[in-house]
C-alpha atoms as a PDB file:
ATOM      1  CA  UNK A   1     -12.775  -7.058   4.297  1.00  0.00           C
ATOM      2  CA  UNK A   2     -13.632  -4.242   6.653  1.00  0.00           C
ATOM      3  CA  UNK A   3     -14.066  -0.674   5.339  1.00  0.00           C
ATOM      4  CA  UNK A   4     -10.841   0.648   6.907  1.00  0.00           C
ATOM      5  CA  UNK A   5      -8.738  -2.023   5.177  1.00  0.00           C
ATOM      6  CA  UNK A   6     -10.546  -1.537   1.899  1.00  0.00           C
ATOM      7  CA  UNK A   7     -10.027   2.240   1.829  1.00  0.00           C
ATOM      8  CA  UNK A   8      -6.444   1.936   3.096  1.00  0.00           C
ATOM      9  CA  UNK A   9      -5.378  -0.530   0.413  1.00  0.00           C
ATOM     10  CA  UNK A  10      -7.289   1.387  -2.273  1.00  0.00           C
ATOM     11  CA  UNK A  11      -5.274   4.494  -1.412  1.00  0.00           C
ATOM     12  CA  UNK A  12      -1.982   2.565  -1.300  1.00  0.00           C
ATOM     13  CA  UNK A  13      -2.685   0.889  -4.661  1.00  0.00           C
ATOM     14  CA  UNK A  14      -3.791   4.149  -6.251  1.00  0.00           C
ATOM     15  CA  UNK A  15      -0.633   5.968  -5.204  1.00  0.00           C
ATOM     16  CA  UNK A  16       1.547   3.066  -6.322  1.00  0.00           C
ATOM     17  CA  UNK A  17      -0.233   2.932  -9.675  1.00  0.00           C
ATOM     18  CA  UNK A  18       0.267   6.672 -10.143  1.00  0.00           C
ATOM     19  CA  UNK A  19       3.979   6.437  -9.237  1.00  0.00           C
ATOM     20  CA  UNK A  20       4.644   3.203 -11.154  1.00  0.00           C
ATOM     21  CA  UNK A  21       5.631   4.654 -14.522  1.00  0.00           C
ATOM     22  CA  UNK A  22       8.104   6.984 -12.822  1.00  0.00           C
ATOM     23  CA  UNK A  23       9.863   4.154 -10.972  1.00  0.00           C
ATOM     24  CA  UNK A  24      11.596   2.538 -13.938  1.00  0.00           C
ATOM     25  CA  UNK A  25      11.574  -0.859 -15.568  1.00  0.00           C
ATOM     26  CA  UNK A  26       9.387  -3.836 -14.708  1.00  0.00           C
ATOM     27  CA  UNK A  27      11.819  -5.347 -12.190  1.00  0.00           C
ATOM     28  CA  UNK A  28      12.064  -2.109 -10.224  1.00  0.00           C
ATOM     29  CA  UNK A  29       8.273  -1.699 -10.290  1.00  0.00           C
ATOM     30  CA  UNK A  30       7.735  -5.212  -8.945  1.00  0.00           C
ATOM     31  CA  UNK A  31      10.352  -4.633  -6.255  1.00  0.00           C
ATOM     32  CA  UNK A  32       8.705  -1.329  -5.315  1.00  0.00           C
ATOM     33  CA  UNK A  33       5.315  -3.080  -5.173  1.00  0.00           C
ATOM     34  CA  UNK A  34       6.678  -5.767  -2.862  1.00  0.00           C
ATOM     35  CA  UNK A  35       8.308  -3.233  -0.554  1.00  0.00           C
ATOM     36  CA  UNK A  36       5.237  -0.990  -0.446  1.00  0.00           C
ATOM     37  CA  UNK A  37       2.988  -4.007   0.134  1.00  0.00           C
ATOM     38  CA  UNK A  38       5.040  -5.269   3.064  1.00  0.00           C
ATOM     39  CA  UNK A  39       5.247  -1.803   4.619  1.00  0.00           C
ATOM     40  CA  UNK A  40       1.530  -1.181   4.103  1.00  0.00           C
ATOM     41  CA  UNK A  41       0.617  -4.508   5.691  1.00  0.00           C
ATOM     42  CA  UNK A  42       2.896  -3.714   8.637  1.00  0.00           C
ATOM     43  CA  UNK A  43       1.394  -0.262   9.200  1.00  0.00           C
ATOM     44  CA  UNK A  44      -2.273  -1.273   8.922  1.00  0.00           C
ATOM     45  CA  UNK A  45      -2.603  -2.835  12.420  1.00  0.00           C
ATOM     46  CA  UNK A  46      -1.196   0.309  14.049  1.00  0.00           C
ATOM     47  CA  UNK A  47      -3.512   2.491  11.982  1.00  0.00           C
ATOM     48  CA  UNK A  48      -6.521   0.391  12.962  1.00  0.00           C
ATOM     49  CA  UNK A  49      -5.434   0.618  16.609  1.00  0.00           C
ATOM     50  CA  UNK A  50      -5.287   4.409  16.407  1.00  0.00           C
ATOM     51  CA  UNK A  51      -8.767   4.439  14.874  1.00  0.00           C
ATOM     52  CA  UNK A  52     -10.084   2.228  17.650  1.00  0.00           C
ATOM     53  CA  UNK A  53     -10.779  -0.793  15.482  1.00  0.00           C
END
């Protein structure tokens, strides 16, 4: 995994972990994780393009 992806997903996971207890029950947390994961994966190529990678 390249450094940009590693740092990007570390930040996404850290924020999601911090927000997790505030989201609600387990089902809502899993749903939030799925949505954030899909959005994060969709944004990463554009971010890498802006960074020239």
